[in-house]
Amino acid sequence: MATVTFTETLPVNPAANYADRIGFALGNLFVSAIEAVESFKLRHETRIALEKCSDVQLEDIGLARCDIAGIVAKL
């Protein structure tokens, strides 16, 4: 009597592996979108707060009005 031995295991459902990868990709896309919105919100709020400051207040913290755009861009 002959004996057959398998050395490789096949995935139970190859489509499930593909679906998992799609799910992870969509999850990463969703997280990236949330991070982009949060980053935009931070830059927007920072710009508004600095623009509300008077020139004297800006000078007290070592800034000039022309520095605001550069600071916001670095966030």
Protein backbone atom coordinates (compact mmCIF):
# COMPACT_ATOMS: atom_id res chain seq x y z
CA MET A 1 0.00 0.00 0.00
CA ALA A 2 1.34 3.45 -0.97
CA THR A 3 1.42 6.39 1.41
CA VAL A 4 0.90 9.97 0.21
CA THR A 5 2.50 12.78 2.22
CA PHE A 6 1.70 16.46 1.71
CA THR A 7 4.39 18.96 2.61
CA GLU A 8 2.45 22.14 1.89
CA THR A 9 -0.79 23.33 3.39
CA LEU A 10 -3.22 25.26 1.29
CA PRO A 11 -5.28 28.10 2.72
CA VAL A 12 -8.78 27.08 3.61
CA ASN A 13 -10.28 29.94 1.66
CA PRO A 14 -7.93 31.92 -0.61
CA ALA A 15 -10.63 34.56 -1.15
CA ALA A 16 -10.70 35.23 2.60
CA ASN A 17 -7.00 36.15 2.56
CA TYR A 18 -7.66 38.58 -0.29
CA ALA A 19 -10.63 40.05 1.58
CA ASP A 20 -8.45 40.54 4.67
CA ARG A 21 -5.90 42.48 2.63
CA ILE A 22 -8.63 44.65 1.12
CA GLY A 23 -10.03 45.24 4.60
CA PHE A 24 -6.63 46.30 5.94
CA ALA A 25 -6.11 48.61 2.97
CA LEU A 26 -9.49 50.26 3.50
CA GLY A 27 -8.77 50.56 7.22
CA ASN A 28 -5.45 52.26 6.50
CA LEU A 29 -7.15 54.59 4.04
CA PHE A 30 -9.74 55.51 6.66
CA VAL A 31 -7.05 56.18 9.28
CA SER A 32 -5.11 58.33 6.79
CA ALA A 33 -8.25 60.35 6.02
CA ILE A 34 -8.87 60.97 9.73
CA GLU A 35 -5.25 62.04 10.26
CA ALA A 36 -5.49 64.44 7.30
CA VAL A 37 -8.65 66.03 8.72
CA GLU A 38 -7.07 66.37 12.17
CA SER A 39 -3.95 67.92 10.65
CA PHE A 40 -6.03 70.40 8.65
CA LYS A 41 -8.02 71.31 11.77
CA LEU A 42 -4.83 71.93 13.77
CA ARG A 43 -3.34 74.14 11.05
CA HIS A 44 -6.60 76.06 10.64
CA GLU A 45 -7.05 76.67 14.38
CA THR A 46 -3.41 77.70 14.78
CA ARG A 47 -3.64 80.15 11.89
CA ILE A 48 -6.81 81.73 13.30
CA ALA A 49 -5.34 81.99 16.82
CA LEU A 50 -2.15 83.65 15.55
CA GLU A 51 -4.01 86.00 13.22
CA LYS A 52 -6.16 87.19 16.15
CA CYS A 53 -3.03 88.25 18.04
CA SER A 54 -1.94 91.85 17.85
CA ASP A 55 1.47 92.76 16.46
CA VAL A 56 2.66 93.45 20.03
CA GLN A 57 1.53 90.00 21.20
CA LEU A 58 3.24 88.35 18.25
CA GLU A 59 6.41 90.30 18.99
CA ASP A 60 6.27 89.12 22.62
CA ILE A 61 6.47 85.50 21.47
CA GLY A 62 9.16 86.27 18.91
CA LEU A 63 7.03 86.29 15.78
CA ALA A 64 6.03 88.72 13.09
CA ARG A 65 2.77 88.59 11.18
CA CYS A 66 4.64 87.42 8.08
CA ASP A 67 5.86 84.33 10.02
CA ILE A 68 2.36 82.90 10.52
CA ALA A 69 2.09 81.12 7.16
CA GLY A 70 5.48 79.47 7.61
CA ILE A 71 4.68 78.26 11.11
CA VAL A 72 1.34 76.84 10.05
CA ALA A 73 2.93 75.09 7.06
CA LYS A 74 5.36 73.25 9.37
CA LEU A 75 2.55 71.70 11.44
